[in-house]
Structures are given as C-alpha cells and as structure tokens.
Amino acid sequence: MGVDVKGIEDSVRDKAHLIGRITDEIDKVIVGQRGLVERLLVGILTGGHVLVEGVPGLAKTTAIKTLAAALKLEFKRIQFTPDLLPADLIGTLVFNPKSGDFSTRKGPVFANIVLADEINRAPGKVQSALLEAMQERQVTIGTETFPLPNPFLVMATQNPIEQEGTYPLPEAQIDRFMLKVKVTYPQIEEELSIMNRQTELPPASVSAVADCDDIRSLQKLMSDIYVDEKVKKYMLDLVFATREPEKYNLDLSPLIAYGASPRASIYLNLASRARAFLDSRGYVTPHDVKVTGMDVLRHRLIVSYEAEAEGMDSEAILQKIFDHIPVP
C-alpha cells in the first residue's frame, strides 16, 4: 500500500499558515535569531526539549517568552542558582496546622513552556529533578504523581564563558535534550534595528495566534510526514558513523570516546519531519537532515582526550562525517 504523499502535503499546507502567523508575531519583538526561533518551533512541534548555549544578552529569554505569548501557553522562568532545591522546582507538600493535613503546592515546572535559566548553576539533584520531569513528563510529590501539561517544552540555557561555580550537566543527562543550539551575536544591521526598537514606546505587543489545541493538532501531523527509506538509511549512517567510523572509511576512531545514542536516530527523524513542515512540505529531504543534524548530534558525540589535545571538538568531527557520508 503506497503512501499518499500528495494528501500529506495538502494537510501540511493547510496548517502551515499557522506557523507563518506565529513567526510574524515573534518578528515584532525579535530581530534576527532565526535559527533559535526555528529550533524552538521544532521543539514545540515534536515535543523535544532544547538546550541553548550563548553569552548573555542575545535575546534567549525574550525569544522563548515571546513564543509562549504567541501560542497562548503558560510560561514560567526558573533562575537556577547553587542554593536551589528540587522542591523549588517540582513543588512540595505543605502542612496546614488548622486541618492537620498536607496539601500539594506545585512548582514552576507545571507550565507549558519552562525556561531553565543557567541550568549549570544548580547542583546535580536539581538538574536531575528537571531532567526526570522532562523525560517522564510527570512529577511525583509525596505519594501522588501528577502529569505535566501538554504541550510541554523546556528550554535550558548555559553560559559558555563563565564556568566558576557551575555544575556541568553529565553527558547522559544532556542526551535528554533533543537539540543543543548555539546562539551567536547579531549582524551589525540587525543590532542597529535592535537599538532602534528599544527606543520605541510603547514596546511592540504580541498577539496570541494559536493555543494548546492547535499545537496538539500540529504535533499529530508530524507522524504523517513521509520519510523515504533511503533518507532513513542516511540518518542511520550519520549516527552509526559516530560509533563505528572505520566501517565508513573514516579515520576518526581515536578522536571519539563515545558515539551518539539511539536517541539521536529518533530525534533526527523527528526534527527532520518538523523541519520539512516548517518548509510546508509533506516529505523529508536529505537537506532537512543536514540542517537539523548538527543540533541533534553535537552534544551526543563525546570526544576523546586525543581530540581535545588536537583542538578538535564534536562539531569539527561531525562536519567530517557530514562531508563524507554520501547523500541519497
């Protein structure tokens, strides 16, 4: 039984106008940072979480807050600090002396979009509490288990230049983030526009152009987007080349300590589908895989000490893999 790609394409185009309206609202506030906004939309569409690395002042918080406003989703920001406790994040039981009972007070993680600001500033227990909630999409407080809202997206930020007093995320926990996005400085024309906008009074307001039902409808559509077997094989070749590079005639084994986990294949498939949808297509192309591949894989490939000694990071190794693996 063949796949009705044209029917899928029609469904995608019927819904794609919504993405255009969302990006138009975001553009009222955010100048540039198109890559970050696109990756956040990929996260919303697929239910994957996003780790963002960039110096302060690059509109990371503004971008996620504006996205939440455009989608009419509940937004909570959590500033991670060394004295933060898991209960500050997920909630706790509060004793009522009048009734002698305990009542549940839910934490800020019970929101549709959660910004975990400077996640590497909090100790391991707090990081683990958040990452468990991300993975299980539920939280246990006392003896009761509470589901998290749907949709649910966590955007965590890391500051790459200030490492004192930080608790780096273990590789196994970073793997739970679908994407790791690196945010760079704006171009000079973009920064001029940013300067000019900051003098506007009143500041631009964002209208809600979608809601939870719209997002869930779009998420359901992701599973219908067609991925050809050759494109799936291309995804698997990229992932397996990080584990067994010698089988692909790549002399990278001494540079790689650990290759990408099976989550990489799953997320590469999902992210490529979302990327196709953002381009109003009902099918995935190898270009979609390449565009999303670095963000899916950069935090999953662990380099060896030899690579560090040679000044090679995961991105440089992955670029060699992308350049070498033939595109179908």
Protein backbone atom coordinates (compact mmCIF):
# COMPACT_ATOMS: atom_id res chain seq x y z
CA MET A 1 0.00 0.00 0.00
CA GLY A 2 1.54 3.27 -1.17
CA VAL A 3 1.86 6.44 0.85
CA ASP A 4 -0.37 9.35 -0.18
CA VAL A 5 2.37 11.97 -0.17
CA LYS A 6 0.17 14.49 -2.00
CA GLY A 7 -2.55 14.10 0.63
CA ILE A 8 0.03 14.64 3.39
CA GLU A 9 1.37 17.68 1.53
CA ASP A 10 -2.13 19.18 1.30
CA SER A 11 -2.64 18.67 5.05
CA VAL A 12 0.71 20.28 5.79
CA ARG A 13 -0.02 23.31 3.59
CA ASP A 14 -3.42 23.65 5.17
CA LYS A 15 -1.77 24.01 8.60
CA ALA A 16 1.45 25.78 7.58
CA HIS A 17 -0.20 29.23 7.58
CA LEU A 18 -0.32 28.95 11.37
CA ILE A 19 3.47 28.80 11.57
CA GLY A 20 3.66 31.91 9.42
CA ARG A 21 1.37 33.78 11.80
CA ILE A 22 3.43 32.64 14.80
CA THR A 23 6.72 33.79 13.25
CA ASP A 24 5.14 37.11 12.25
CA GLU A 25 4.24 37.74 15.90
CA ILE A 26 7.73 36.77 17.07
CA ASP A 27 9.29 39.08 14.47
CA LYS A 28 7.51 42.01 16.14
CA VAL A 29 9.86 41.58 19.11
CA ILE A 30 12.86 39.52 18.00
CA VAL A 31 15.34 40.77 15.41
CA GLY A 32 17.38 38.02 13.76
CA GLN A 33 17.97 34.81 15.74
CA ARG A 34 16.03 32.97 13.05
CA GLY A 35 17.91 29.75 13.82
CA LEU A 36 16.95 29.84 17.51
CA VAL A 37 13.28 30.58 16.76
CA GLU A 38 13.15 27.77 14.21
CA ARG A 39 14.69 25.28 16.67
CA LEU A 40 12.18 26.29 19.34
CA LEU A 41 9.37 25.65 16.87
CA VAL A 42 10.92 22.25 16.09
CA GLY A 43 10.88 21.52 19.82
CA ILE A 44 7.21 22.54 20.15
CA LEU A 45 6.17 20.51 17.11
CA THR A 46 7.96 17.34 18.22
CA GLY A 47 7.71 17.57 22.00
CA GLY A 48 11.50 17.72 22.28
CA HIS A 49 13.46 19.93 24.68
CA VAL A 50 16.11 22.47 23.70
CA LEU A 51 19.45 23.33 25.33
CA VAL A 52 20.72 26.77 24.27
CA GLU A 53 24.29 27.95 24.70
CA GLY A 54 25.21 31.58 24.25
CA VAL A 55 26.62 34.62 26.02
CA PRO A 56 24.23 36.88 27.94
CA GLY A 57 22.15 39.47 26.09
CA LEU A 58 21.32 37.51 22.93
CA ALA A 59 17.52 37.52 23.45
CA LYS A 60 17.29 33.87 24.51
CA THR A 61 14.79 34.63 27.29
CA THR A 62 12.89 37.11 25.14
CA ALA A 63 12.59 34.57 22.30
CA ILE A 64 11.05 31.80 24.41
CA LYS A 65 8.80 34.24 26.29
CA THR A 66 7.54 35.72 23.02
CA LEU A 67 6.90 32.26 21.60
CA ALA A 68 4.81 31.37 24.65
CA ALA A 69 2.78 34.56 24.25
CA ALA A 70 2.16 33.90 20.54
CA LEU A 71 0.99 30.37 21.37
CA LYS A 72 -1.12 31.41 24.37
CA LEU A 73 0.81 28.95 26.55
CA GLU A 74 1.65 29.27 30.23
CA PHE A 75 5.28 30.34 30.67
CA LYS A 76 7.49 30.06 33.75
CA ARG A 77 11.10 31.12 34.17
CA ILE A 78 13.30 29.42 36.76
CA GLN A 79 16.64 31.02 37.63
CA PHE A 80 18.97 28.18 38.57
CA THR A 81 21.26 29.02 41.48
CA PRO A 82 23.55 26.94 43.74
CA ASP A 83 21.04 27.08 46.63
CA LEU A 84 18.05 25.89 44.57
CA LEU A 85 16.33 22.74 45.85
CA PRO A 86 14.36 20.12 43.88
CA ALA A 87 11.22 21.17 45.80
CA ASP A 88 11.67 24.73 44.47
CA LEU A 89 11.34 23.25 41.02
CA ILE A 90 8.74 20.49 41.16
CA GLY A 91 6.78 21.52 44.28
CA THR A 92 6.29 20.14 47.76
CA LEU A 93 3.77 19.16 50.43
CA VAL A 94 2.69 21.99 52.72
CA PHE A 95 1.35 21.29 56.21
CA ASN A 96 -1.85 23.07 57.22
CA PRO A 97 -1.81 23.38 61.06
CA LYS A 98 -5.55 24.15 61.21
CA SER A 99 -6.69 20.98 59.44
CA GLY A 100 -3.67 18.88 60.29
CA ASP A 101 -3.43 17.83 56.63
CA PHE A 102 -0.83 18.22 53.92
CA SER A 103 -1.71 19.97 50.67
CA THR A 104 0.26 19.87 47.43
CA ARG A 105 1.90 23.03 46.21
CA LYS A 106 3.01 22.57 42.61
CA GLY A 107 6.27 24.10 41.46
CA PRO A 108 7.01 26.24 38.39
CA VAL A 109 7.75 23.16 36.27
CA PHE A 110 3.96 22.81 35.88
CA ALA A 111 3.79 25.11 32.86
CA ASN A 112 3.59 24.57 29.11
CA ILE A 113 6.90 26.32 28.44
CA VAL A 114 9.61 26.38 31.10
CA LEU A 115 12.82 28.40 30.85
CA ALA A 116 15.58 26.83 32.95
CA ASP A 117 17.96 29.78 33.03
CA GLU A 118 21.64 28.88 33.54
CA ILE A 119 20.87 25.24 34.28
CA ASN A 120 24.52 24.51 35.04
CA ARG A 121 24.44 26.86 38.07
CA ALA A 122 22.32 24.42 40.12
CA PRO A 123 23.66 21.23 41.77
CA GLY A 124 23.11 17.75 40.37
CA LYS A 125 19.99 16.95 42.43
CA VAL A 126 18.09 19.88 40.95
CA GLN A 127 19.29 19.16 37.43
CA SER A 128 18.20 15.54 37.81
CA ALA A 129 14.75 16.58 39.07
CA LEU A 130 14.19 18.70 35.99
CA LEU A 131 15.59 16.15 33.56
CA GLU A 132 13.44 13.41 35.08
CA ALA A 133 10.36 15.58 34.64
CA MET A 134 11.39 16.22 31.02
CA GLN A 135 11.77 12.52 30.31
CA GLU A 136 8.79 11.13 32.21
CA ARG A 137 6.51 14.16 31.67
CA GLN A 138 5.22 13.68 35.17
CA VAL A 139 6.26 14.64 38.69
CA THR A 140 5.84 12.79 41.96
CA ILE A 141 5.20 14.91 45.06
CA GLY A 142 4.86 12.84 48.23
CA THR A 143 2.89 9.76 47.20
CA GLU A 144 0.98 11.40 44.35
CA THR A 145 2.06 11.54 40.71
CA PHE A 146 0.96 14.50 38.59
CA PRO A 147 1.15 14.67 34.78
CA LEU A 148 2.79 17.73 33.29
CA PRO A 149 0.84 19.91 30.84
CA ASN A 150 0.62 19.05 27.16
CA PRO A 151 2.31 20.62 25.25
CA PHE A 152 5.40 20.80 27.48
CA LEU A 153 8.72 22.32 26.40
CA VAL A 154 11.84 23.03 28.43
CA MET A 155 14.41 25.47 27.10
CA ALA A 156 17.55 25.40 29.23
CA THR A 157 20.35 27.92 28.83
CA GLN A 158 24.06 27.67 29.52
CA ASN A 159 26.63 30.44 29.64
CA PRO A 160 29.77 29.23 27.79
CA ILE A 161 32.17 31.88 29.13
CA GLU A 162 31.68 31.82 32.89
CA GLN A 163 32.47 28.42 34.39
CA GLU A 164 33.25 29.26 38.04
CA GLY A 165 30.64 27.91 40.43
CA THR A 166 28.93 25.78 37.81
CA TYR A 167 27.88 22.14 37.79
CA PRO A 168 28.27 20.85 34.22
CA LEU A 169 25.48 18.58 33.03
CA PRO A 170 26.60 14.94 32.75
CA GLU A 171 26.66 13.58 29.21
CA ALA A 172 23.92 11.03 29.99
CA GLN A 173 21.60 13.84 31.11
CA ILE A 174 22.43 16.18 28.24
CA ASP A 175 21.30 13.35 25.96
CA ARG A 176 17.70 14.00 27.06
CA PHE A 177 17.71 17.31 25.22
CA MET A 178 16.56 16.89 21.66
CA LEU A 179 18.61 19.83 20.38
CA LYS A 180 21.62 21.79 21.52
CA VAL A 181 21.60 25.19 19.84
CA LYS A 182 24.47 27.66 19.82
CA VAL A 183 23.39 31.31 19.64
CA THR A 184 25.79 33.85 18.16
CA TYR A 185 25.97 37.65 18.00
CA PRO A 186 23.63 39.51 15.59
CA GLN A 187 24.84 41.14 12.39
CA ILE A 188 25.53 44.89 12.50
CA GLU A 189 22.31 45.71 10.60
CA GLU A 190 20.31 43.55 13.00
CA GLU A 191 21.90 45.21 16.01
CA LEU A 192 21.04 48.64 14.61
CA SER A 193 17.42 47.52 14.33
CA ILE A 194 17.57 46.20 17.92
CA MET A 195 18.89 49.57 19.14
CA ASN A 196 16.12 51.43 17.34
CA ARG A 197 13.39 49.15 18.65
CA GLN A 198 14.49 49.67 22.23
CA THR A 199 13.54 53.34 21.94
CA GLU A 200 10.00 52.55 20.80
CA LEU A 201 7.22 53.45 23.23
CA PRO A 202 5.09 51.58 23.84
CA PRO A 203 7.01 48.38 23.02
CA ALA A 204 5.55 46.01 20.43
CA SER A 205 2.83 43.73 21.76
CA VAL A 206 2.42 40.09 20.79
CA SER A 207 -0.99 38.63 19.97
CA ALA A 208 -1.91 35.02 20.68
CA VAL A 209 -2.46 33.36 17.29
CA ALA A 210 -2.62 29.70 18.43
CA ASP A 211 -3.46 27.67 21.52
CA CYS A 212 -2.88 24.23 23.06
CA ASP A 213 -5.36 22.53 20.74
CA ASP A 214 -3.62 23.98 17.68
CA ILE A 215 -0.22 22.76 18.90
CA ARG A 216 -1.51 19.27 19.63
CA SER A 217 -3.05 19.16 16.15
CA LEU A 218 0.30 20.11 14.60
CA GLN A 219 2.13 17.55 16.72
CA LYS A 220 -0.22 14.84 15.48
CA LEU A 221 0.52 15.85 11.89
CA MET A 222 4.27 15.26 12.42
CA SER A 223 3.78 11.48 12.45
CA ASP A 224 2.17 11.65 8.98
CA ILE A 225 5.07 13.41 7.25
CA TYR A 226 6.68 10.93 4.85
CA VAL A 227 10.28 9.78 5.28
CA ASP A 228 11.65 7.62 2.48
CA GLU A 229 13.64 4.51 3.39
CA LYS A 230 16.75 5.96 1.71
CA VAL A 231 16.52 9.07 3.88
CA LYS A 232 16.08 6.91 7.00
CA LYS A 233 19.19 4.96 5.96
CA TYR A 234 21.05 8.27 5.57
CA MET A 235 20.07 9.26 9.13
CA LEU A 236 21.27 5.90 10.48
CA ASP A 237 24.55 6.13 8.54
CA LEU A 238 25.26 9.51 10.15
CA VAL A 239 24.57 8.17 13.63
CA PHE A 240 26.45 4.89 13.17
CA ALA A 241 29.44 6.75 11.71
CA THR A 242 29.87 8.34 15.15
CA ARG A 243 30.05 4.85 16.71
CA GLU A 244 31.91 2.83 14.07
CA PRO A 245 33.70 5.38 11.84
CA GLU A 246 36.11 2.77 10.47
CA LYS A 247 33.20 0.96 8.76
CA TYR A 248 32.59 4.15 6.78
CA ASN A 249 36.29 4.58 5.88
CA LEU A 250 36.64 7.44 8.35
CA ASP A 251 39.85 7.68 10.37
CA LEU A 252 38.09 9.16 13.41
CA SER A 253 38.11 6.32 15.97
CA PRO A 254 40.97 7.78 18.07
CA LEU A 255 39.06 11.09 18.30
CA ILE A 256 35.74 9.67 19.51
CA ALA A 257 35.26 8.37 23.06
CA TYR A 258 31.53 7.63 22.71
CA GLY A 259 29.24 7.86 19.70
CA ALA A 260 25.66 9.09 19.58
CA SER A 261 22.98 7.11 21.42
CA PRO A 262 19.82 5.64 19.85
CA ARG A 263 18.02 8.82 20.95
CA ALA A 264 20.00 10.53 18.20
CA SER A 265 18.29 8.46 15.48
CA ILE A 266 14.86 9.05 17.00
CA TYR A 267 15.35 12.79 17.39
CA LEU A 268 16.99 13.18 13.98
CA ASN A 269 13.91 11.62 12.42
CA LEU A 270 11.51 13.82 14.42
CA ALA A 271 13.49 17.04 13.91
CA SER A 272 13.76 16.43 10.16
CA ARG A 273 9.98 15.94 9.94
CA ALA A 274 9.41 19.22 11.79
CA ARG A 275 11.91 20.97 9.51
CA ALA A 276 10.01 19.69 6.47
CA PHE A 277 6.77 21.01 7.97
CA LEU A 278 8.30 24.44 8.54
CA ASP A 279 9.10 24.44 4.81
CA SER A 280 5.45 23.48 4.06
CA ARG A 281 6.43 20.04 2.76
CA GLY A 282 4.84 16.68 3.48
CA TYR A 283 8.07 14.75 2.99
CA VAL A 284 11.63 14.84 4.38
CA THR A 285 14.66 15.54 2.20
CA PRO A 286 18.35 14.89 3.00
CA HIS A 287 18.70 18.69 3.32
CA ASP A 288 16.30 18.63 6.29
CA VAL A 289 18.55 16.02 7.90
CA LYS A 290 21.65 18.12 7.31
CA VAL A 291 20.06 21.33 8.60
CA THR A 292 18.97 19.74 11.89
CA GLY A 293 21.74 17.15 12.20
CA MET A 294 24.37 19.28 13.92
CA ASP A 295 21.95 20.46 16.62
CA VAL A 296 20.77 16.89 17.25
CA LEU A 297 24.26 15.33 17.36
CA ARG A 298 26.71 17.95 18.72
CA HIS A 299 26.00 17.13 22.39
CA ARG A 300 25.79 13.37 21.86
CA LEU A 301 29.24 12.75 20.43
CA ILE A 302 31.84 12.64 23.20
CA VAL A 303 35.36 13.42 22.04
CA SER A 304 38.46 11.65 23.35
CA TYR A 305 41.41 13.21 25.17
CA GLU A 306 43.37 12.86 21.94
CA ALA A 307 40.81 15.02 20.11
CA GLU A 308 40.96 17.64 22.85
CA ALA A 309 44.76 17.66 22.61
CA GLU A 310 44.45 18.29 18.88
CA GLY A 311 41.90 21.06 19.43
CA MET A 312 39.09 19.05 17.81
CA ASP A 313 35.57 19.44 19.18
CA SER A 314 32.46 17.40 18.39
CA GLU A 315 31.34 19.85 15.71
CA ALA A 316 34.58 19.50 13.74
CA ILE A 317 34.32 15.71 13.86
CA LEU A 318 30.64 15.76 12.88
CA GLN A 319 31.41 18.06 9.96
CA LYS A 320 33.85 15.46 8.64
CA ILE A 321 31.12 12.83 8.93
CA PHE A 322 28.54 15.02 7.15
CA ASP A 323 31.04 15.76 4.37
CA HIS A 324 31.94 12.08 3.94
CA ILE A 325 28.62 10.20 4.14
CA PRO A 326 27.02 10.16 0.66
CA VAL A 327 23.69 11.95 0.35
CA PRO A 328 20.92 9.81 -1.19
